[in-house]
Amino acid sequence: KPIGEHMDDLALIDQDNFSTIIDYEVGVIQNQKSLQKFYTKINMTRKPGLPVPMVDFSKDMLILVCLGEQHSEMTPLLSKLHETDTRVSIAVQLIEKEQVEQISTQPIYYPFYLFKMPIIDKTFDFQKIDN
């Protein structure tokens, strides 16, 4: 359950367990060029590549969550902790997906999650919450 306020406007538009991003990072994407750059990076090692989502950047912005190296399937849960006139503070909680069966060889995941939301012209501050 989210520790902050539920974000109604947030929609997951893309997700993959095998990005090439090995470190945890969260950031905001506000234009097509930055989005294209991210997909170029993750598509270098895959044929065919993942298609770049269509986004209207005049209305929407994206939050990109790269979880870094994970040894089980994790899902980020984003919630709003605090908002002022100039800043928004977002909690990023990592929730483990339940394993149905025990797997003898543990795969390594480098997941990314891409969320879309209406533009908020504020500084974003992301806080990773370890459960």
C-alpha atoms as a PDB file:
ATOM      1  CA  LYS A   1       0.000   0.000   0.000  1.00  0.00           C
ATOM      2  CA  PRO A   2       1.355   3.443  -0.904  1.00  0.00           C
ATOM      3  CA  ILE A   3       2.878   5.457   1.907  1.00  0.00           C
ATOM      4  CA  GLY A   4       1.907   8.713   0.214  1.00  0.00           C
ATOM      5  CA  GLU A   5      -1.186   9.962  -1.560  1.00  0.00           C
ATOM      6  CA  HIS A   6      -2.437   7.879  -4.506  1.00  0.00           C
ATOM      7  CA  MET A   7      -1.668   9.539  -7.864  1.00  0.00           C
ATOM      8  CA  ASP A   8      -4.809   9.159  -9.980  1.00  0.00           C
ATOM      9  CA  ASP A   9      -3.322  10.705 -13.103  1.00  0.00           C
ATOM     10  CA  LEU A  10      -0.367   8.333 -13.297  1.00  0.00           C
ATOM     11  CA  ALA A  11      -0.555   5.666 -16.035  1.00  0.00           C
ATOM     12  CA  LEU A  12       2.003   2.973 -16.826  1.00  0.00           C
ATOM     13  CA  ILE A  13       2.686   3.141 -20.569  1.00  0.00           C
ATOM     14  CA  ASP A  14       5.683   0.832 -20.962  1.00  0.00           C
ATOM     15  CA  GLN A  15       7.648  -1.668 -18.909  1.00  0.00           C
ATOM     16  CA  ASP A  16      10.329  -4.250 -19.547  1.00  0.00           C
ATOM     17  CA  ASN A  17      12.414  -6.433 -17.238  1.00  0.00           C
ATOM     18  CA  PHE A  18      15.541  -6.226 -19.357  1.00  0.00           C
ATOM     19  CA  SER A  19      16.722  -2.699 -19.939  1.00  0.00           C
ATOM     20  CA  THR A  20      20.461  -2.127 -20.179  1.00  0.00           C
ATOM     21  CA  ILE A  21      20.385   0.353 -17.289  1.00  0.00           C
ATOM     22  CA  ILE A  22      22.348  -1.199 -14.448  1.00  0.00           C
ATOM     23  CA  ASP A  23      21.883   1.502 -11.812  1.00  0.00           C
ATOM     24  CA  TYR A  24      18.785   2.664  -9.982  1.00  0.00           C
ATOM     25  CA  GLU A  25      17.589   5.977 -11.364  1.00  0.00           C
ATOM     26  CA  VAL A  26      14.364   7.942 -11.520  1.00  0.00           C
ATOM     27  CA  GLY A  27      13.795  10.967 -13.665  1.00  0.00           C
ATOM     28  CA  VAL A  28      11.371  13.059 -15.637  1.00  0.00           C
ATOM     29  CA  ILE A  29      11.219  13.030 -19.447  1.00  0.00           C
ATOM     30  CA  GLN A  30       9.631  16.126 -20.955  1.00  0.00           C
ATOM     31  CA  ASN A  31      10.394  15.913 -24.666  1.00  0.00           C
ATOM     32  CA  GLN A  32      10.562  13.515 -27.604  1.00  0.00           C
ATOM     33  CA  LYS A  33      14.340  13.831 -27.944  1.00  0.00           C
ATOM     34  CA  SER A  34      14.976  12.568 -24.382  1.00  0.00           C
ATOM     35  CA  LEU A  35      12.472   9.751 -24.845  1.00  0.00           C
ATOM     36  CA  GLN A  36      14.102   8.756 -28.141  1.00  0.00           C
ATOM     37  CA  LYS A  37      17.527   8.798 -26.492  1.00  0.00           C
ATOM     38  CA  PHE A  38      16.379   6.415 -23.753  1.00  0.00           C
ATOM     39  CA  TYR A  39      14.876   3.953 -26.254  1.00  0.00           C
ATOM     40  CA  THR A  40      17.979   4.131 -28.445  1.00  0.00           C
ATOM     41  CA  LYS A  41      20.027   3.163 -25.395  1.00  0.00           C
ATOM     42  CA  ILE A  42      17.869   0.203 -24.350  1.00  0.00           C
ATOM     43  CA  ASN A  43      17.350  -0.981 -27.936  1.00  0.00           C
ATOM     44  CA  MET A  44      21.080  -1.243 -28.682  1.00  0.00           C
ATOM     45  CA  THR A  45      21.127  -4.816 -27.416  1.00  0.00           C
ATOM     46  CA  ARG A  46      17.810  -6.049 -28.803  1.00  0.00           C
ATOM     47  CA  LYS A  47      16.492  -6.918 -32.232  1.00  0.00           C
ATOM     48  CA  PRO A  48      13.794  -5.910 -32.876  1.00  0.00           C
ATOM     49  CA  GLY A  49      13.846  -2.988 -30.499  1.00  0.00           C
ATOM     50  CA  LEU A  50      10.980  -1.896 -28.265  1.00  0.00           C
ATOM     51  CA  PRO A  51       8.763   0.663 -30.015  1.00  0.00           C
ATOM     52  CA  VAL A  52       8.944   4.216 -28.680  1.00  0.00           C
ATOM     53  CA  PRO A  53       5.564   5.116 -27.107  1.00  0.00           C
ATOM     54  CA  MET A  54       3.592   7.973 -28.630  1.00  0.00           C
ATOM     55  CA  VAL A  55       3.381  10.866 -26.181  1.00  0.00           C
ATOM     56  CA  ASP A  56       1.901  14.330 -26.600  1.00  0.00           C
ATOM     57  CA  PHE A  57       4.499  16.365 -24.704  1.00  0.00           C
ATOM     58  CA  SER A  58       2.357  19.495 -24.954  1.00  0.00           C
ATOM     59  CA  LYS A  59      -0.007  17.851 -22.421  1.00  0.00           C
ATOM     60  CA  ASP A  60       1.897  15.035 -20.760  1.00  0.00           C
ATOM     61  CA  MET A  61       5.220  14.304 -19.113  1.00  0.00           C
ATOM     62  CA  LEU A  62       6.845  10.991 -18.255  1.00  0.00           C
ATOM     63  CA  ILE A  63       8.416   9.553 -15.143  1.00  0.00           C
ATOM     64  CA  LEU A  64      11.061   6.954 -15.923  1.00  0.00           C
ATOM     65  CA  VAL A  65      11.938   4.507 -13.164  1.00  0.00           C
ATOM     66  CA  CYS A  66      14.942   2.233 -13.749  1.00  0.00           C
ATOM     67  CA  LEU A  67      15.275  -0.212 -10.882  1.00  0.00           C
ATOM     68  CA  GLY A  68      18.871  -1.266 -11.532  1.00  0.00           C
ATOM     69  CA  GLU A  69      19.957  -4.826 -10.863  1.00  0.00           C
ATOM     70  CA  GLN A  70      17.223  -6.930  -9.261  1.00  0.00           C
ATOM     71  CA  HIS A  71      17.246 -10.624  -8.422  1.00  0.00           C
ATOM     72  CA  SER A  72      13.480 -10.940  -8.260  1.00  0.00           C
ATOM     73  CA  GLU A  73      10.668  -9.212 -10.093  1.00  0.00           C
ATOM     74  CA  MET A  74      10.004  -5.837  -8.525  1.00  0.00           C
ATOM     75  CA  THR A  75       7.326  -3.272  -9.304  1.00  0.00           C
ATOM     76  CA  PRO A  76       7.642   0.394  -8.347  1.00  0.00           C
ATOM     77  CA  LEU A  77       4.728   1.973  -6.527  1.00  0.00           C
ATOM     78  CA  LEU A  78       4.729   5.761  -6.840  1.00  0.00           C
ATOM     79  CA  SER A  79       2.813   8.010  -4.467  1.00  0.00           C
ATOM     80  CA  LYS A  80       2.837  11.714  -3.633  1.00  0.00           C
ATOM     81  CA  LEU A  81       4.429  12.537  -0.290  1.00  0.00           C
ATOM     82  CA  HIS A  82       4.314  16.297  -0.333  1.00  0.00           C
ATOM     83  CA  GLU A  83       3.584  19.186  -2.677  1.00  0.00           C
ATOM     84  CA  THR A  84       4.323  22.888  -2.512  1.00  0.00           C
ATOM     85  CA  ASP A  85       3.987  25.666  -5.094  1.00  0.00           C
ATOM     86  CA  THR A  86       7.336  24.728  -6.616  1.00  0.00           C
ATOM     87  CA  ARG A  87       8.134  21.136  -5.627  1.00  0.00           C
ATOM     88  CA  VAL A  88       6.565  17.693  -5.676  1.00  0.00           C
ATOM     89  CA  SER A  89       7.975  14.915  -3.557  1.00  0.00           C
ATOM     90  CA  ILE A  90       7.285  11.387  -4.833  1.00  0.00           C
ATOM     91  CA  ALA A  91       7.860   8.156  -2.929  1.00  0.00           C
ATOM     92  CA  VAL A  92       9.139   5.202  -4.962  1.00  0.00           C
ATOM     93  CA  GLN A  93       8.429   1.943  -3.145  1.00  0.00           C
ATOM     94  CA  LEU A  94       9.695  -1.313  -4.610  1.00  0.00           C
ATOM     95  CA  ILE A  95       7.152  -4.091  -4.259  1.00  0.00           C
ATOM     96  CA  GLU A  96       8.240  -7.667  -4.869  1.00  0.00           C
ATOM     97  CA  LYS A  97       6.027  -9.749  -7.141  1.00  0.00           C
ATOM     98  CA  GLU A  98       5.125 -13.012  -5.493  1.00  0.00           C
ATOM     99  CA  GLN A  99       7.052 -15.964  -6.810  1.00  0.00           C
ATOM    100  CA  VAL A 100       4.738 -18.794  -7.721  1.00  0.00           C
ATOM    101  CA  GLU A 101       7.453 -21.441  -7.782  1.00  0.00           C
ATOM    102  CA  GLN A 102      11.015 -21.523  -6.549  1.00  0.00           C
ATOM    103  CA  ILE A 103      13.389 -21.068  -9.455  1.00  0.00           C
ATOM    104  CA  SER A 104      16.741 -22.770  -9.047  1.00  0.00           C
ATOM    105  CA  THR A 105      18.650 -20.326 -11.222  1.00  0.00           C
ATOM    106  CA  GLN A 106      17.866 -16.788 -10.181  1.00  0.00           C
ATOM    107  CA  PRO A 107      17.533 -14.526 -13.214  1.00  0.00           C
ATOM    108  CA  ILE A 108      18.884 -10.998 -13.009  1.00  0.00           C
ATOM    109  CA  TYR A 109      16.501  -8.250 -14.042  1.00  0.00           C
ATOM    110  CA  TYR A 110      17.216  -4.650 -15.032  1.00  0.00           C
ATOM    111  CA  PRO A 111      13.627  -3.412 -15.146  1.00  0.00           C
ATOM    112  CA  PHE A 112      12.356  -0.066 -16.293  1.00  0.00           C
ATOM    113  CA  TYR A 113       8.900   1.419 -15.860  1.00  0.00           C
ATOM    114  CA  LEU A 114       7.628   4.406 -17.800  1.00  0.00           C
ATOM    115  CA  PHE A 115       4.685   6.351 -16.386  1.00  0.00           C
ATOM    116  CA  LYS A 116       2.725   9.126 -18.076  1.00  0.00           C
ATOM    117  CA  MET A 117       0.981  11.968 -16.278  1.00  0.00           C
ATOM    118  CA  PRO A 118      -0.310  15.466 -17.082  1.00  0.00           C
ATOM    119  CA  ILE A 119       2.421  18.123 -17.010  1.00  0.00           C
ATOM    120  CA  ILE A 120       3.198  19.612 -13.612  1.00  0.00           C
ATOM    121  CA  ASP A 121       5.558  22.543 -13.871  1.00  0.00           C
ATOM    122  CA  LYS A 122       7.408  21.859 -10.628  1.00  0.00           C
ATOM    123  CA  THR A 123      10.676  20.409  -9.465  1.00  0.00           C
ATOM    124  CA  PHE A 124      10.397  16.691  -8.765  1.00  0.00           C
ATOM    125  CA  ASP A 125      12.105  15.043  -5.890  1.00  0.00           C
ATOM    126  CA  PHE A 126      12.050  11.224  -5.740  1.00  0.00           C
ATOM    127  CA  GLN A 127      12.566   9.296  -2.529  1.00  0.00           C
ATOM    128  CA  LYS A 128      13.315   5.609  -2.688  1.00  0.00           C
ATOM    129  CA  ILE A 129      11.559   3.736   0.102  1.00  0.00           C
ATOM    130  CA  ASP A 130      13.001   0.368   1.013  1.00  0.00           C
ATOM    131  CA  ASN A 131      10.405  -1.990   2.422  1.00  0.00           C
END
